[in-house]
Structure formats: structure tokens, C-alpha cells
Amino acid sequence: MKRIILGILLLNSVLALSQGKSELSFSVTTGENEMIMFHALDGAATHRGEGFFALNMHYRKPIKEWLDFESGLAFAYHSVVVEPLSIYDILPIKEEMYLASIPIGVKFNFLRYFFVNAGTLVDIDFTSSNHLDDQSGIGASLGAGAIYRFDNGIGIFAMPCIRMHSLIPFTMGNYHERLLESGIQFGISYRL
């Protein structure tokens, strides 16, 4: 884990020293979430996502006119209801998840206003739940959106996105649950 974080910091440092106008953006993301299992389990509890909210900060560095490197930091709150499958009358349990993510990816710019971005996520789960699997691990993200830039360097953007957390979990176990989120991100950017 320490090597991954050190590698991310070194890559960010090298790219920060390269030439080109970098960009800093702040955004909020909101949408739906659900817990995914790649294998069905008989008798296991079901999970129903009740939505999420995230605050994001991204740093982008141009590599080519049409391609940017991007990284940043995101903090997300997720609400999930756990419904135990039991012969007893056990009430559903509402769980809250708190994730910090470091996205590392690329952004493809085209037709002046549009972009597609994709990358990996390094996730750290701060939740202490007995009912939900730890989401710390490596995930993936994908989004497509539009940005409008004003003459003063400020831009506004909107981007539908999807993220899968813990595709490669840091804590291994059988039948690990993955958090899937789909939503829309709204934000403001500034060219430095």
C-alpha cells in the first residue's frame, strides 16, 4: 500500500514539473449505489443502496492537446440498507459508508467541449461495519461529459459517471462485495 501511494506521489510530482497549462477542478457527485457480488449466495443478506454523495478535487495536466493526465482526491458518503434473510423478524439495518478515493487516469478531449475519462481508483474505506465488506482496494471509473470554458480560464462541467470500488480488494476473502456507484458530477474548473 505504501509503495502504491509513493508511486502516485512521484508520478504527480514529475507531471507537475512538465510544461503545459494544468487545471484544477472541484465538483460534487450524486447518484445511486448498490453492492455487487460476483457469486450468488443462498441465505445471504440483501443490500439495497439508498444513494451517495461525493466531494471531488481533480488536478489535470495536459500530455497532448487531446489527452490529459488526471489525479485527485474524492470523499464519498454512501447509504446502504442491509436486509438480513432470516426466519426471525429482524429489521433492516441502515449502514453508512465513508470512502476516500485517489483517482488516477486519463481524459480524452474532443470537439472542443466534450471529453471521456477513464482510470483506476485507490480506495480507502473508513467504515467500521460488521454487515458490509471493506471497500479498500483498487477500483475503476469511467465518465463522459461536457465542459464550457470562459475567457478568464474558469470552466463549468457536467459528467455522468460510473465507478466500481474494490475490484481488487486489499483484504482478500471469499465472496467479496463490491460497491458500484453511478451518478452525475457537476463542477467548476480553473486553468492555472
C-alpha atoms as a PDB file:
ATOM      1  CA  MET A   1       0.000   0.000   0.000  1.00  0.00           C
ATOM      2  CA  LYS A   2       2.817   2.413   0.905  1.00  0.00           C
ATOM      3  CA  ARG A   3       4.549   1.681  -2.412  1.00  0.00           C
ATOM      4  CA  ILE A   4       1.374   2.441  -4.361  1.00  0.00           C
ATOM      5  CA  ILE A   5       0.883   5.776  -2.612  1.00  0.00           C
ATOM      6  CA  LEU A   6       4.579   6.659  -3.038  1.00  0.00           C
ATOM      7  CA  GLY A   7       4.365   5.842  -6.756  1.00  0.00           C
ATOM      8  CA  ILE A   8       1.292   8.050  -7.139  1.00  0.00           C
ATOM      9  CA  LEU A   9       3.007  10.958  -5.392  1.00  0.00           C
ATOM     10  CA  LEU A  10       6.161  10.594  -7.513  1.00  0.00           C
ATOM     11  CA  LEU A  11       4.140  10.475 -10.742  1.00  0.00           C
ATOM     12  CA  ASN A  12       2.206  13.578  -9.713  1.00  0.00           C
ATOM     13  CA  SER A  13       5.476  15.396  -8.926  1.00  0.00           C
ATOM     14  CA  VAL A  14       7.028  14.581 -12.302  1.00  0.00           C
ATOM     15  CA  LEU A  15       3.925  15.648 -14.210  1.00  0.00           C
ATOM     16  CA  ALA A  16       3.642  18.863 -12.199  1.00  0.00           C
ATOM     17  CA  LEU A  17       7.096  19.900 -13.393  1.00  0.00           C
ATOM     18  CA  SER A  18       6.317  19.301 -17.063  1.00  0.00           C
ATOM     19  CA  GLN A  19       5.212  22.102 -19.398  1.00  0.00           C
ATOM     20  CA  GLY A  20       1.603  22.964 -20.277  1.00  0.00           C
ATOM     21  CA  LYS A  21      -1.376  24.603 -18.605  1.00  0.00           C
ATOM     22  CA  SER A  22      -2.629  22.463 -15.787  1.00  0.00           C
ATOM     23  CA  GLU A  23      -6.168  22.588 -14.467  1.00  0.00           C
ATOM     24  CA  LEU A  24      -7.690  22.294 -11.002  1.00  0.00           C
ATOM     25  CA  SER A  25     -11.348  21.383 -10.535  1.00  0.00           C
ATOM     26  CA  PHE A  26     -13.787  20.987  -7.667  1.00  0.00           C
ATOM     27  CA  SER A  27     -17.034  19.071  -8.052  1.00  0.00           C
ATOM     28  CA  VAL A  28     -19.863  17.209  -6.373  1.00  0.00           C
ATOM     29  CA  THR A  29     -21.228  13.848  -7.453  1.00  0.00           C
ATOM     30  CA  THR A  30     -24.563  12.362  -6.507  1.00  0.00           C
ATOM     31  CA  GLY A  31     -26.418   9.285  -7.660  1.00  0.00           C
ATOM     32  CA  GLU A  32     -27.314   5.678  -6.993  1.00  0.00           C
ATOM     33  CA  ASN A  33     -25.266   2.906  -5.432  1.00  0.00           C
ATOM     34  CA  GLU A  34     -25.506  -0.818  -4.871  1.00  0.00           C
ATOM     35  CA  MET A  35     -23.455  -3.676  -3.508  1.00  0.00           C
ATOM     36  CA  ILE A  36     -22.482  -6.262  -6.143  1.00  0.00           C
ATOM     37  CA  MET A  37     -21.413  -9.857  -5.562  1.00  0.00           C
ATOM     38  CA  PHE A  38     -19.908 -11.795  -8.448  1.00  0.00           C
ATOM     39  CA  HIS A  39     -21.283 -15.059  -6.949  1.00  0.00           C
ATOM     40  CA  ALA A  40     -24.798 -15.522  -5.564  1.00  0.00           C
ATOM     41  CA  LEU A  41     -25.040 -16.910  -2.034  1.00  0.00           C
ATOM     42  CA  ASP A  42     -28.103 -18.756  -0.756  1.00  0.00           C
ATOM     43  CA  GLY A  43     -29.275 -17.422   2.594  1.00  0.00           C
ATOM     44  CA  ALA A  44     -27.141 -14.266   2.486  1.00  0.00           C
ATOM     45  CA  ALA A  45     -28.464 -10.837   3.371  1.00  0.00           C
ATOM     46  CA  THR A  46     -29.503  -8.497   0.586  1.00  0.00           C
ATOM     47  CA  HIS A  47     -28.213  -4.960   0.238  1.00  0.00           C
ATOM     48  CA  ARG A  48     -30.172  -2.032  -1.133  1.00  0.00           C
ATOM     49  CA  GLY A  49     -28.332   1.152  -1.974  1.00  0.00           C
ATOM     50  CA  GLU A  50     -30.009   4.409  -0.981  1.00  0.00           C
ATOM     51  CA  GLY A  51     -27.672   6.760  -2.820  1.00  0.00           C
ATOM     52  CA  PHE A  52     -24.367   8.530  -2.373  1.00  0.00           C
ATOM     53  CA  PHE A  53     -22.809  11.979  -2.301  1.00  0.00           C
ATOM     54  CA  ALA A  54     -19.155  12.798  -3.046  1.00  0.00           C
ATOM     55  CA  LEU A  55     -16.877  15.833  -2.967  1.00  0.00           C
ATOM     56  CA  ASN A  56     -14.089  15.715  -5.551  1.00  0.00           C
ATOM     57  CA  MET A  57     -10.914  17.616  -6.328  1.00  0.00           C
ATOM     58  CA  HIS A  58      -9.023  16.864  -9.552  1.00  0.00           C
ATOM     59  CA  TYR A  59      -5.716  18.020 -10.972  1.00  0.00           C
ATOM     60  CA  ARG A  60      -5.233  17.677 -14.718  1.00  0.00           C
ATOM     61  CA  LYS A  61      -2.010  18.022 -16.671  1.00  0.00           C
ATOM     62  CA  PRO A  62      -2.028  18.088 -20.494  1.00  0.00           C
ATOM     63  CA  ILE A  63       0.035  15.417 -22.215  1.00  0.00           C
ATOM     64  CA  LYS A  64      -1.186  16.271 -25.732  1.00  0.00           C
ATOM     65  CA  GLU A  65      -3.829  18.727 -26.923  1.00  0.00           C
ATOM     66  CA  TRP A  66      -6.434  15.942 -26.837  1.00  0.00           C
ATOM     67  CA  LEU A  67      -5.110  13.975 -23.828  1.00  0.00           C
ATOM     68  CA  ASP A  68      -4.713  14.887 -20.137  1.00  0.00           C
ATOM     69  CA  PHE A  69      -3.360  13.009 -17.142  1.00  0.00           C
ATOM     70  CA  GLU A  70      -5.615  13.417 -14.114  1.00  0.00           C
ATOM     71  CA  SER A  71      -5.447  12.601 -10.446  1.00  0.00           C
ATOM     72  CA  GLY A  72      -7.025  13.963  -7.320  1.00  0.00           C
ATOM     73  CA  LEU A  73      -8.912  13.134  -4.166  1.00  0.00           C
ATOM     74  CA  ALA A  74     -12.559  12.292  -3.502  1.00  0.00           C
ATOM     75  CA  PHE A  75     -14.514  11.793  -0.296  1.00  0.00           C
ATOM     76  CA  ALA A  76     -17.822   9.928  -0.560  1.00  0.00           C
ATOM     77  CA  TYR A  77     -20.736   9.114   1.722  1.00  0.00           C
ATOM     78  CA  HIS A  78     -22.855   6.059   0.838  1.00  0.00           C
ATOM     79  CA  SER A  79     -26.100   4.867   2.404  1.00  0.00           C
ATOM     80  CA  VAL A  80     -26.892   1.132   2.208  1.00  0.00           C
ATOM     81  CA  VAL A  81     -29.736  -0.851   3.803  1.00  0.00           C
ATOM     82  CA  VAL A  82     -28.880  -4.415   4.850  1.00  0.00           C
ATOM     83  CA  GLU A  83     -31.882  -6.750   4.894  1.00  0.00           C
ATOM     84  CA  PRO A  84     -30.981  -9.978   6.715  1.00  0.00           C
ATOM     85  CA  LEU A  85     -32.513 -13.162   5.332  1.00  0.00           C
ATOM     86  CA  SER A  86     -33.788 -14.869   8.421  1.00  0.00           C
ATOM     87  CA  ILE A  87     -36.678 -16.903   9.733  1.00  0.00           C
ATOM     88  CA  TYR A  88     -36.803 -14.411  12.585  1.00  0.00           C
ATOM     89  CA  ASP A  89     -38.251 -10.922  12.236  1.00  0.00           C
ATOM     90  CA  ILE A  90     -35.003  -8.973  12.043  1.00  0.00           C
ATOM     91  CA  LEU A  91     -35.453  -5.384  10.942  1.00  0.00           C
ATOM     92  CA  PRO A  92     -33.367  -3.938   8.099  1.00  0.00           C
ATOM     93  CA  ILE A  93     -30.165  -2.210   9.189  1.00  0.00           C
ATOM     94  CA  LYS A  94     -29.168   1.136   7.672  1.00  0.00           C
ATOM     95  CA  GLU A  95     -25.409   1.367   7.180  1.00  0.00           C
ATOM     96  CA  GLU A  96     -23.295   4.373   6.240  1.00  0.00           C
ATOM     97  CA  MET A  97     -20.049   4.050   4.309  1.00  0.00           C
ATOM     98  CA  TYR A  98     -17.271   6.636   4.122  1.00  0.00           C
ATOM     99  CA  LEU A  99     -14.704   6.272   1.330  1.00  0.00           C
ATOM    100  CA  ALA A 100     -11.662   8.265   0.296  1.00  0.00           C
ATOM    101  CA  SER A 101     -10.507   7.670  -3.276  1.00  0.00           C
ATOM    102  CA  ILE A 102      -7.438   8.685  -5.242  1.00  0.00           C
ATOM    103  CA  PRO A 103      -8.355   8.587  -8.933  1.00  0.00           C
ATOM    104  CA  ILE A 104      -5.559   8.102 -11.461  1.00  0.00           C
ATOM    105  CA  GLY A 105      -6.482   8.233 -15.112  1.00  0.00           C
ATOM    106  CA  VAL A 106      -6.609   9.923 -18.465  1.00  0.00           C
ATOM    107  CA  LYS A 107      -9.048  12.352 -20.043  1.00  0.00           C
ATOM    108  CA  PHE A 108      -9.654  12.353 -23.815  1.00  0.00           C
ATOM    109  CA  ASN A 109     -10.811  15.748 -25.139  1.00  0.00           C
ATOM    110  CA  PHE A 110     -12.686  16.075 -28.438  1.00  0.00           C
ATOM    111  CA  LEU A 111     -14.906  18.507 -30.362  1.00  0.00           C
ATOM    112  CA  ARG A 112     -13.817  21.412 -28.125  1.00  0.00           C
ATOM    113  CA  TYR A 113     -16.482  20.896 -25.431  1.00  0.00           C
ATOM    114  CA  PHE A 114     -16.610  17.134 -24.850  1.00  0.00           C
ATOM    115  CA  PHE A 115     -14.475  14.592 -23.038  1.00  0.00           C
ATOM    116  CA  VAL A 116     -14.275  10.973 -21.903  1.00  0.00           C
ATOM    117  CA  ASN A 117     -12.228   9.929 -18.901  1.00  0.00           C
ATOM    118  CA  ALA A 118     -11.232   6.547 -17.525  1.00  0.00           C
ATOM    119  CA  GLY A 119      -8.900   5.298 -14.864  1.00  0.00           C
ATOM    120  CA  THR A 120      -8.271   3.441 -11.676  1.00  0.00           C
ATOM    121  CA  LEU A 121      -9.218   4.291  -8.113  1.00  0.00           C
ATOM    122  CA  VAL A 122      -7.184   3.644  -4.994  1.00  0.00           C
ATOM    123  CA  ASP A 123      -9.872   3.429  -2.304  1.00  0.00           C
ATOM    124  CA  ILE A 124      -9.637   3.601   1.467  1.00  0.00           C
ATOM    125  CA  ASP A 125     -12.768   2.624   3.405  1.00  0.00           C
ATOM    126  CA  PHE A 126     -13.201   4.372   6.765  1.00  0.00           C
ATOM    127  CA  THR A 127     -16.355   2.420   7.629  1.00  0.00           C
ATOM    128  CA  SER A 128     -16.387   0.086  10.615  1.00  0.00           C
ATOM    129  CA  SER A 129     -19.324  -2.146   9.706  1.00  0.00           C
ATOM    130  CA  ASN A 130     -19.964  -5.771  10.549  1.00  0.00           C
ATOM    131  CA  HIS A 131     -22.522  -6.004   7.734  1.00  0.00           C
ATOM    132  CA  LEU A 132     -20.583  -4.621   4.745  1.00  0.00           C
ATOM    133  CA  ASP A 133     -17.280  -5.724   3.246  1.00  0.00           C
ATOM    134  CA  ASP A 134     -14.315  -3.354   3.416  1.00  0.00           C
ATOM    135  CA  GLN A 135     -14.097  -1.430   0.133  1.00  0.00           C
ATOM    136  CA  SER A 136     -10.386  -0.593   0.441  1.00  0.00           C
ATOM    137  CA  GLY A 137      -8.688  -1.648  -2.768  1.00  0.00           C
ATOM    138  CA  ILE A 138      -8.238  -0.870  -6.434  1.00  0.00           C
ATOM    139  CA  GLY A 139     -11.306   0.130  -8.436  1.00  0.00           C
ATOM    140  CA  ALA A 140     -12.177   1.595 -11.819  1.00  0.00           C
ATOM    141  CA  SER A 141     -14.006   4.650 -13.124  1.00  0.00           C
ATOM    142  CA  LEU A 142     -15.470   5.790 -16.425  1.00  0.00           C
ATOM    143  CA  GLY A 143     -17.198   9.020 -17.385  1.00  0.00           C
ATOM    144  CA  ALA A 144     -18.174  11.196 -20.325  1.00  0.00           C
ATOM    145  CA  GLY A 145     -19.201  14.814 -20.218  1.00  0.00           C
ATOM    146  CA  ALA A 146     -19.075  18.354 -21.485  1.00  0.00           C
ATOM    147  CA  ILE A 147     -17.221  21.451 -20.315  1.00  0.00           C
ATOM    148  CA  TYR A 148     -17.664  25.109 -21.185  1.00  0.00           C
ATOM    149  CA  ARG A 149     -14.668  27.385 -20.602  1.00  0.00           C
ATOM    150  CA  PHE A 150     -14.950  31.138 -20.177  1.00  0.00           C
ATOM    151  CA  ASP A 151     -12.225  33.519 -21.404  1.00  0.00           C
ATOM    152  CA  ASN A 152     -10.884  34.009 -17.859  1.00  0.00           C
ATOM    153  CA  GLY A 153      -9.869  30.324 -17.516  1.00  0.00           C
ATOM    154  CA  ILE A 154     -12.869  29.228 -15.457  1.00  0.00           C
ATOM    155  CA  GLY A 155     -14.915  26.319 -16.755  1.00  0.00           C
ATOM    156  CA  ILE A 156     -18.116  24.580 -15.728  1.00  0.00           C
ATOM    157  CA  PHE A 157     -18.768  20.923 -16.473  1.00  0.00           C
ATOM    158  CA  ALA A 158     -21.216  18.059 -16.079  1.00  0.00           C
ATOM    159  CA  MET A 159     -20.328  14.390 -16.387  1.00  0.00           C
ATOM    160  CA  PRO A 160     -22.349  11.194 -15.954  1.00  0.00           C
ATOM    161  CA  CYS A 161     -20.009   8.621 -14.424  1.00  0.00           C
ATOM    162  CA  ILE A 162     -19.806   5.081 -13.113  1.00  0.00           C
ATOM    163  CA  ARG A 163     -17.342   3.727 -10.537  1.00  0.00           C
ATOM    164  CA  MET A 164     -16.703   0.233  -9.230  1.00  0.00           C
ATOM    165  CA  HIS A 165     -14.818   0.091  -5.945  1.00  0.00           C
ATOM    166  CA  SER A 166     -12.703  -2.765  -4.599  1.00  0.00           C
ATOM    167  CA  LEU A 167     -12.349  -4.709  -7.850  1.00  0.00           C
ATOM    168  CA  ILE A 168      -9.042  -5.835  -6.367  1.00  0.00           C
ATOM    169  CA  PRO A 169      -9.626  -5.677  -2.596  1.00  0.00           C
ATOM    170  CA  PHE A 170      -6.759  -5.085  -0.174  1.00  0.00           C
ATOM    171  CA  THR A 171      -8.398  -7.579   2.226  1.00  0.00           C
ATOM    172  CA  MET A 172      -8.976 -10.877   0.486  1.00  0.00           C
ATOM    173  CA  GLY A 173     -11.854 -13.143   1.324  1.00  0.00           C
ATOM    174  CA  ASN A 174     -14.389 -15.360  -0.334  1.00  0.00           C
ATOM    175  CA  TYR A 175     -17.440 -13.728  -1.926  1.00  0.00           C
ATOM    176  CA  HIS A 176     -16.276 -10.136  -1.517  1.00  0.00           C
ATOM    177  CA  GLU A 177     -18.898  -7.447  -2.191  1.00  0.00           C
ATOM    178  CA  ARG A 178     -18.065  -4.542  -4.483  1.00  0.00           C
ATOM    179  CA  LEU A 179     -19.614  -1.100  -4.311  1.00  0.00           C
ATOM    180  CA  LEU A 180     -20.974   0.153  -7.643  1.00  0.00           C
ATOM    181  CA  GLU A 181     -21.954   3.795  -7.977  1.00  0.00           C
ATOM    182  CA  SER A 182     -23.497   5.590 -10.921  1.00  0.00           C
ATOM    183  CA  GLY A 183     -24.271   9.261 -10.875  1.00  0.00           C
ATOM    184  CA  ILE A 184     -23.657  12.681 -12.281  1.00  0.00           C
ATOM    185  CA  GLN A 185     -20.823  15.043 -11.420  1.00  0.00           C
ATOM    186  CA  PHE A 186     -21.149  18.837 -11.567  1.00  0.00           C
ATOM    187  CA  GLY A 187     -18.181  21.100 -11.083  1.00  0.00           C
ATOM    188  CA  ILE A 188     -16.076  24.127 -11.746  1.00  0.00           C
ATOM    189  CA  SER A 189     -12.512  24.167 -13.062  1.00  0.00           C
ATOM    190  CA  TYR A 190      -9.739  26.716 -13.362  1.00  0.00           C
ATOM    191  CA  ARG A 191      -6.735  26.677 -15.683  1.00  0.00           C
ATOM    192  CA  LEU A 192      -3.605  27.512 -13.716  1.00  0.00           C
END
